Amino acid sequence: MLYTYANPVYVILSLLRLFNEKGEKWIKEHYLHLKAPYNNFKKIIEEDNLRLEKHLKSWLQEDKIPIAFVKYENMWSHQKDISNFLGFKITLPAYKNRKTIIDVNKDITKKIEKTYGNLNKKINNLDSFFVINNKNEK
């Protein structure tokens, strides 16, 4: 299993952009994939209704399968590590800067930073790449 994670502020800003571009049907499917009940998507700014923190925690505690965790922005510098973990060579497409970082409403960003502050602290304490084989051992 390969688990990617990122700064939750960027994740939420990306989801807001995707909601505007792809619509509510796409967002509802995203909630379904993360096993989170869908109600009012716009509340995602004030509450973790997608359960991102719970999702990360559950995968960090997984003990049945080996999992490689990689920070999204660092995947490109860890291609060899990912390849070694998966057992075959991967080549990622060229890195693209996130679209959501440009021209962001500062008030919305501050609200998101407040809502996801604890999750962001947890993510900042994780290495950019690590493997858990079982019983939460790195």
N, C-alpha and C. Protein backbone atom coordinates (compact mmCIF):
# COMPACT_ATOMS: atom_id res chain seq x y z
N MET A 1 0.85 -1.17 0.00
CA MET A 1 0.00 0.00 0.00
C MET A 1 0.89 1.22 0.00
N LEU A 2 0.57 2.18 -0.81
CA LEU A 2 1.27 3.46 -0.85
C LEU A 2 0.27 4.54 -0.43
N TYR A 3 0.61 5.26 0.62
CA TYR A 3 -0.28 6.28 1.17
C TYR A 3 0.40 7.64 0.97
N THR A 4 -0.25 8.53 0.26
CA THR A 4 0.29 9.88 0.09
C THR A 4 -0.47 10.83 1.00
N TYR A 5 0.24 11.81 1.51
CA TYR A 5 -0.37 12.81 2.39
C TYR A 5 0.24 14.17 2.06
N ALA A 6 -0.43 15.21 2.50
CA ALA A 6 0.03 16.57 2.20
C ALA A 6 -0.51 17.52 3.26
N ASN A 7 -0.02 18.73 3.22
CA ASN A 7 -0.53 19.79 4.08
C ASN A 7 -2.05 19.86 3.88
N PRO A 8 -2.84 19.71 4.94
CA PRO A 8 -4.29 19.70 4.77
C PRO A 8 -4.85 21.00 4.22
N VAL A 9 -4.18 22.11 4.42
CA VAL A 9 -4.64 23.37 3.85
C VAL A 9 -4.65 23.26 2.32
N TYR A 10 -3.58 22.71 1.76
CA TYR A 10 -3.51 22.54 0.31
C TYR A 10 -4.54 21.53 -0.18
N VAL A 11 -4.76 20.49 0.62
CA VAL A 11 -5.76 19.49 0.25
C VAL A 11 -7.15 20.12 0.17
N ILE A 12 -7.52 20.88 1.18
CA ILE A 12 -8.85 21.50 1.21
C ILE A 12 -8.99 22.54 0.09
N LEU A 13 -7.95 23.34 -0.12
CA LEU A 13 -8.00 24.31 -1.22
C LEU A 13 -8.15 23.59 -2.56
N SER A 14 -7.47 22.47 -2.73
CA SER A 14 -7.62 21.68 -3.96
C SER A 14 -9.04 21.17 -4.11
N LEU A 15 -9.61 20.69 -3.00
CA LEU A 15 -10.98 20.18 -3.05
C LEU A 15 -11.99 21.29 -3.38
N LEU A 16 -11.77 22.47 -2.84
CA LEU A 16 -12.65 23.60 -3.17
C LEU A 16 -12.58 23.92 -4.66
N ARG A 17 -11.36 23.90 -5.19
CA ARG A 17 -11.18 24.15 -6.64
C ARG A 17 -11.86 23.05 -7.46
N LEU A 18 -11.64 21.79 -7.05
CA LEU A 18 -12.24 20.67 -7.78
C LEU A 18 -13.76 20.67 -7.70
N PHE A 19 -14.30 21.10 -6.57
CA PHE A 19 -15.75 21.23 -6.43
C PHE A 19 -16.28 22.21 -7.48
N ASN A 20 -15.58 23.33 -7.64
CA ASN A 20 -16.00 24.32 -8.64
C ASN A 20 -15.81 23.81 -10.06
N GLU A 21 -14.76 23.04 -10.31
CA GLU A 21 -14.47 22.55 -11.66
C GLU A 21 -15.27 21.31 -12.04
N LYS A 22 -15.40 20.36 -11.10
CA LYS A 22 -15.99 19.05 -11.44
C LYS A 22 -17.38 18.85 -10.89
N GLY A 23 -17.77 19.68 -9.93
CA GLY A 23 -19.13 19.62 -9.42
C GLY A 23 -19.32 18.72 -8.22
N GLU A 24 -20.54 18.77 -7.74
CA GLU A 24 -20.89 18.07 -6.50
C GLU A 24 -20.83 16.55 -6.66
N LYS A 25 -21.16 16.02 -7.82
CA LYS A 25 -21.13 14.57 -8.02
C LYS A 25 -19.71 14.03 -7.76
N TRP A 26 -18.70 14.71 -8.27
CA TRP A 26 -17.31 14.27 -8.08
C TRP A 26 -16.95 14.30 -6.59
N ILE A 27 -17.33 15.38 -5.90
CA ILE A 27 -17.03 15.50 -4.47
C ILE A 27 -17.72 14.40 -3.68
N LYS A 28 -18.97 14.10 -4.00
CA LYS A 28 -19.70 13.04 -3.29
C LYS A 28 -18.97 11.70 -3.44
N GLU A 29 -18.44 11.42 -4.61
CA GLU A 29 -17.68 10.18 -4.82
C GLU A 29 -16.40 10.18 -3.98
N HIS A 30 -15.78 11.35 -3.85
CA HIS A 30 -14.57 11.46 -3.04
C HIS A 30 -14.88 11.14 -1.57
N TYR A 31 -15.97 11.65 -1.08
CA TYR A 31 -16.40 11.35 0.29
C TYR A 31 -16.65 9.85 0.44
N LEU A 32 -17.31 9.27 -0.54
CA LEU A 32 -17.60 7.84 -0.51
C LEU A 32 -16.30 7.02 -0.44
N HIS A 33 -15.30 7.40 -1.23
CA HIS A 33 -14.01 6.69 -1.22
C HIS A 33 -13.33 6.77 0.14
N LEU A 34 -13.51 7.88 0.84
CA LEU A 34 -12.90 8.05 2.15
C LEU A 34 -13.83 7.62 3.29
N LYS A 35 -14.96 7.04 2.92
CA LYS A 35 -15.94 6.52 3.89
C LYS A 35 -16.39 7.60 4.88
N ALA A 36 -16.65 8.77 4.33
CA ALA A 36 -17.14 9.90 5.14
C ALA A 36 -18.54 10.27 4.65
N PRO A 37 -19.46 10.51 5.57
CA PRO A 37 -20.81 10.89 5.14
C PRO A 37 -20.80 12.27 4.49
N TYR A 38 -21.51 12.39 3.41
CA TYR A 38 -21.58 13.67 2.70
C TYR A 38 -22.82 14.43 3.15
N ASN A 39 -22.61 15.70 3.53
CA ASN A 39 -23.75 16.56 3.81
C ASN A 39 -23.51 17.91 3.15
N ASN A 40 -22.96 18.87 3.84
CA ASN A 40 -22.71 20.20 3.29
C ASN A 40 -21.21 20.36 3.05
N PHE A 41 -20.81 20.24 1.79
CA PHE A 41 -19.39 20.30 1.46
C PHE A 41 -18.73 21.60 1.91
N LYS A 42 -19.42 22.71 1.79
CA LYS A 42 -18.81 24.01 2.13
C LYS A 42 -18.40 24.10 3.60
N LYS A 43 -18.94 23.23 4.46
CA LYS A 43 -18.54 23.21 5.86
C LYS A 43 -17.13 22.66 6.04
N ILE A 44 -16.55 22.13 4.99
CA ILE A 44 -15.22 21.55 5.08
C ILE A 44 -14.18 22.59 5.51
N ILE A 45 -14.51 23.85 5.35
CA ILE A 45 -13.61 24.94 5.76
C ILE A 45 -13.58 25.04 7.29
N GLU A 46 -14.73 24.82 7.93
CA GLU A 46 -14.82 24.96 9.39
C GLU A 46 -14.74 23.65 10.17
N GLU A 47 -14.91 22.50 9.49
CA GLU A 47 -14.86 21.22 10.19
C GLU A 47 -14.31 20.13 9.27
N ASP A 48 -13.64 19.18 9.88
CA ASP A 48 -13.03 18.08 9.13
C ASP A 48 -14.10 17.04 8.80
N ASN A 49 -15.07 17.45 7.99
CA ASN A 49 -16.17 16.54 7.69
C ASN A 49 -15.78 15.46 6.68
N LEU A 50 -14.61 15.55 6.12
CA LEU A 50 -14.08 14.49 5.27
C LEU A 50 -13.27 13.48 6.09
N ARG A 51 -13.09 13.82 7.37
CA ARG A 51 -12.40 12.94 8.34
C ARG A 51 -10.95 12.64 7.94
N LEU A 52 -10.25 13.65 7.46
CA LEU A 52 -8.87 13.46 7.03
C LEU A 52 -7.96 13.02 8.17
N GLU A 53 -8.15 13.61 9.35
CA GLU A 53 -7.31 13.25 10.49
C GLU A 53 -7.55 11.79 10.91
N LYS A 54 -8.79 11.40 10.95
CA LYS A 54 -9.15 10.02 11.30
C LYS A 54 -8.59 9.05 10.25
N HIS A 55 -8.67 9.42 9.00
CA HIS A 55 -8.19 8.58 7.91
C HIS A 55 -6.68 8.33 8.05
N LEU A 56 -5.92 9.40 8.26
CA LEU A 56 -4.47 9.26 8.43
C LEU A 56 -4.17 8.38 9.64
N LYS A 57 -4.82 8.66 10.75
CA LYS A 57 -4.57 7.91 11.98
C LYS A 57 -4.84 6.41 11.77
N SER A 58 -5.92 6.08 11.09
CA SER A 58 -6.25 4.67 10.90
C SER A 58 -5.20 3.97 10.05
N TRP A 59 -4.67 4.64 9.03
CA TRP A 59 -3.64 4.01 8.21
C TRP A 59 -2.31 3.93 8.95
N LEU A 60 -2.01 4.88 9.79
CA LEU A 60 -0.78 4.80 10.59
C LEU A 60 -0.83 3.64 11.58
N GLN A 61 -2.03 3.23 11.96
CA GLN A 61 -2.20 2.12 12.91
C GLN A 61 -2.40 0.77 12.22
N GLU A 62 -2.49 0.76 10.92
CA GLU A 62 -2.70 -0.49 10.18
C GLU A 62 -1.56 -1.47 10.46
N ASP A 63 -1.91 -2.71 10.77
CA ASP A 63 -0.85 -3.68 11.08
C ASP A 63 -0.95 -4.98 10.27
N LYS A 64 -1.81 -4.99 9.25
CA LYS A 64 -1.97 -6.21 8.47
C LYS A 64 -1.11 -6.23 7.20
N ILE A 65 -0.77 -5.07 6.70
CA ILE A 65 0.01 -5.00 5.45
C ILE A 65 1.09 -3.94 5.57
N PRO A 66 2.19 -4.11 4.85
CA PRO A 66 3.20 -3.05 4.83
C PRO A 66 2.67 -1.82 4.07
N ILE A 67 2.98 -0.65 4.59
CA ILE A 67 2.53 0.60 3.97
C ILE A 67 3.69 1.56 3.89
N ALA A 68 3.88 2.12 2.70
CA ALA A 68 4.85 3.20 2.54
C ALA A 68 4.07 4.51 2.54
N PHE A 69 4.51 5.44 3.36
CA PHE A 69 3.90 6.76 3.45
C PHE A 69 4.84 7.75 2.77
N VAL A 70 4.30 8.60 1.93
CA VAL A 70 5.12 9.59 1.24
C VAL A 70 4.37 10.91 1.18
N LYS A 71 5.07 11.97 1.51
CA LYS A 71 4.49 13.30 1.42
C LYS A 71 4.39 13.68 -0.05
N TYR A 72 3.23 14.14 -0.44
CA TYR A 72 2.96 14.42 -1.85
C TYR A 72 4.06 15.24 -2.53
N GLU A 73 4.44 16.33 -1.90
CA GLU A 73 5.43 17.23 -2.52
C GLU A 73 6.81 16.59 -2.63
N ASN A 74 7.05 15.52 -1.88
CA ASN A 74 8.36 14.87 -1.89
C ASN A 74 8.38 13.55 -2.68
N MET A 75 7.29 13.18 -3.31
CA MET A 75 7.25 11.92 -4.05
C MET A 75 8.35 11.84 -5.11
N TRP A 76 8.60 12.94 -5.75
CA TRP A 76 9.55 12.95 -6.86
C TRP A 76 10.98 12.67 -6.38
N SER A 77 11.31 13.11 -5.19
CA SER A 77 12.64 12.83 -4.66
C SER A 77 12.73 11.45 -4.00
N HIS A 78 11.60 10.77 -3.91
CA HIS A 78 11.57 9.43 -3.30
C HIS A 78 11.16 8.35 -4.30
N GLN A 79 11.30 8.61 -5.58
CA GLN A 79 10.90 7.62 -6.58
C GLN A 79 11.64 6.30 -6.40
N LYS A 80 12.93 6.37 -6.07
CA LYS A 80 13.71 5.15 -5.87
C LYS A 80 13.19 4.38 -4.65
N ASP A 81 12.90 5.10 -3.55
CA ASP A 81 12.35 4.47 -2.35
C ASP A 81 11.01 3.81 -2.64
N ILE A 82 10.17 4.51 -3.37
CA ILE A 82 8.85 3.97 -3.72
C ILE A 82 9.01 2.73 -4.59
N SER A 83 9.90 2.82 -5.57
CA SER A 83 10.16 1.67 -6.45
C SER A 83 10.65 0.47 -5.66
N ASN A 84 11.59 0.69 -4.75
CA ASN A 84 12.10 -0.40 -3.92
C ASN A 84 10.99 -1.02 -3.09
N PHE A 85 10.14 -0.18 -2.52
CA PHE A 85 9.04 -0.68 -1.70
C PHE A 85 8.06 -1.52 -2.53
N LEU A 86 7.69 -1.01 -3.71
CA LEU A 86 6.71 -1.69 -4.54
C LEU A 86 7.27 -2.92 -5.25
N GLY A 87 8.60 -2.92 -5.43
CA GLY A 87 9.22 -4.06 -6.12
C GLY A 87 9.30 -3.91 -7.62
N PHE A 88 9.03 -2.73 -8.11
CA PHE A 88 9.19 -2.44 -9.54
C PHE A 88 9.47 -0.95 -9.70
N LYS A 89 10.10 -0.60 -10.82
CA LYS A 89 10.50 0.79 -11.04
C LYS A 89 9.28 1.63 -11.43
N ILE A 90 9.19 2.78 -10.80
CA ILE A 90 8.17 3.76 -11.18
C ILE A 90 8.85 5.01 -11.70
N THR A 91 8.20 5.68 -12.60
CA THR A 91 8.65 6.97 -13.09
C THR A 91 7.45 7.90 -13.06
N LEU A 92 7.53 8.90 -12.23
CA LEU A 92 6.43 9.85 -12.10
C LEU A 92 6.49 10.89 -13.20
N PRO A 93 5.34 11.41 -13.61
CA PRO A 93 5.36 12.54 -14.55
C PRO A 93 6.00 13.74 -13.87
N ALA A 94 6.38 14.72 -14.65
CA ALA A 94 7.03 15.92 -14.11
C ALA A 94 6.13 16.58 -13.05
N TYR A 95 6.77 17.09 -12.01
CA TYR A 95 6.05 17.77 -10.93
C TYR A 95 5.42 19.05 -11.47
N LYS A 96 4.19 19.30 -11.05
CA LYS A 96 3.49 20.55 -11.39
C LYS A 96 3.15 21.26 -10.09
N ASN A 97 3.35 22.56 -10.06
CA ASN A 97 2.94 23.34 -8.89
C ASN A 97 1.43 23.26 -8.74
N ARG A 98 1.00 23.28 -7.50
CA ARG A 98 -0.44 23.24 -7.24
C ARG A 98 -1.11 24.51 -7.75
N LYS A 99 -2.23 24.33 -8.40
CA LYS A 99 -3.01 25.46 -8.92
C LYS A 99 -3.63 26.27 -7.80
N THR A 100 -3.94 25.62 -6.70
CA THR A 100 -4.72 26.26 -5.64
C THR A 100 -3.93 27.27 -4.83
N ILE A 101 -2.63 27.27 -4.92
CA ILE A 101 -1.83 28.18 -4.11
C ILE A 101 -1.87 29.60 -4.67
N ILE A 102 -2.17 29.72 -5.94
CA ILE A 102 -2.20 31.03 -6.60
C ILE A 102 -3.57 31.69 -6.35
N ASP A 103 -3.54 32.96 -6.00
CA ASP A 103 -4.77 33.76 -5.83
C ASP A 103 -5.77 33.15 -4.86
N VAL A 104 -5.31 32.79 -3.70
CA VAL A 104 -6.18 32.19 -2.69
C VAL A 104 -6.72 33.28 -1.78
N ASN A 105 -8.00 33.16 -1.43
CA ASN A 105 -8.63 34.07 -0.49
C ASN A 105 -7.98 33.86 0.88
N LYS A 106 -7.34 34.90 1.41
CA LYS A 106 -6.60 34.79 2.67
C LYS A 106 -7.50 34.48 3.87
N ASP A 107 -8.73 35.00 3.87
CA ASP A 107 -9.65 34.70 4.98
C ASP A 107 -10.03 33.22 5.01
N ILE A 108 -10.29 32.66 3.84
CA ILE A 108 -10.62 31.23 3.76
C ILE A 108 -9.42 30.40 4.19
N THR A 109 -8.24 30.79 3.74
CA THR A 109 -7.02 30.06 4.11
C THR A 109 -6.81 30.08 5.62
N LYS A 110 -7.04 31.23 6.26
CA LYS A 110 -6.88 31.31 7.72
C LYS A 110 -7.87 30.40 8.44
N LYS A 111 -9.10 30.34 7.95
CA LYS A 111 -10.10 29.46 8.56
C LYS A 111 -9.68 27.99 8.42
N ILE A 112 -9.19 27.64 7.25
CA ILE A 112 -8.74 26.26 7.01
C ILE A 112 -7.55 25.93 7.89
N GLU A 113 -6.61 26.86 8.01
CA GLU A 113 -5.44 26.65 8.88
C GLU A 113 -5.86 26.39 10.32
N LYS A 114 -6.88 27.12 10.79
CA LYS A 114 -7.36 26.94 12.15
C LYS A 114 -8.04 25.57 12.30
N THR A 115 -8.89 25.23 11.36
CA THR A 115 -9.63 23.97 11.42
C THR A 115 -8.70 22.76 11.38
N TYR A 116 -7.68 22.82 10.56
CA TYR A 116 -6.81 21.66 10.33
C TYR A 116 -5.44 21.81 10.98
N GLY A 117 -5.34 22.69 11.96
CA GLY A 117 -4.06 22.94 12.62
C GLY A 117 -3.47 21.70 13.28
N ASN A 118 -4.29 20.93 14.00
CA ASN A 118 -3.78 19.72 14.67
C ASN A 118 -3.29 18.69 13.65
N LEU A 119 -4.05 18.49 12.60
CA LEU A 119 -3.65 17.55 11.56
C LEU A 119 -2.36 18.02 10.89
N ASN A 120 -2.26 19.30 10.64
CA ASN A 120 -1.05 19.83 10.00
C ASN A 120 0.18 19.60 10.89
N LYS A 121 0.02 19.76 12.21
CA LYS A 121 1.13 19.50 13.13
C LYS A 121 1.56 18.04 13.05
N LYS A 122 0.60 17.14 13.02
CA LYS A 122 0.91 15.71 12.91
C LYS A 122 1.65 15.41 11.62
N ILE A 123 1.19 15.98 10.54
CA ILE A 123 1.83 15.75 9.24
C ILE A 123 3.24 16.33 9.22
N ASN A 124 3.42 17.49 9.82
CA ASN A 124 4.75 18.10 9.86
C ASN A 124 5.74 17.27 10.68
N ASN A 125 5.23 16.44 11.60
CA ASN A 125 6.09 15.57 12.40
C ASN A 125 6.42 14.25 11.72
N LEU A 126 5.80 13.97 10.58
CA LEU A 126 6.09 12.74 9.84
C LEU A 126 7.28 12.95 8.92
N ASP A 127 8.05 11.89 8.72
CA ASP A 127 9.12 11.94 7.72
C ASP A 127 8.48 12.04 6.35
N SER A 128 9.23 12.52 5.36
CA SER A 128 8.67 12.66 4.01
C SER A 128 8.47 11.31 3.32
N PHE A 129 9.18 10.27 3.81
CA PHE A 129 8.97 8.90 3.33
C PHE A 129 9.32 7.94 4.47
N PHE A 130 8.42 7.00 4.73
CA PHE A 130 8.71 5.95 5.71
C PHE A 130 7.79 4.77 5.45
N VAL A 131 8.21 3.63 5.98
CA VAL A 131 7.45 2.39 5.79
C VAL A 131 7.08 1.84 7.16
N ILE A 132 5.83 1.41 7.26
CA ILE A 132 5.37 0.69 8.44
C ILE A 132 5.11 -0.74 7.98
N ASN A 133 5.86 -1.68 8.54
CA ASN A 133 5.68 -3.08 8.16
C ASN A 133 4.56 -3.74 8.93
N ASN A 134 4.52 -3.52 10.23
CA ASN A 134 3.42 -4.00 11.05
C ASN A 134 3.60 -3.46 12.47
N LYS A 135 2.56 -3.52 13.22
CA LYS A 135 2.55 -3.04 14.62
C LYS A 135 3.13 -1.64 14.75
N ASN A 136 2.87 -0.80 13.73
CA ASN A 136 3.26 0.62 13.73
C ASN A 136 4.76 0.83 13.88
N GLU A 137 5.55 -0.07 13.32
CA GLU A 137 7.01 0.11 13.35
C GLU A 137 7.45 0.78 12.07
N LYS A 138 8.30 1.79 12.22
CA LYS A 138 8.85 2.47 11.04
C LYS A 138 10.09 1.75 10.59
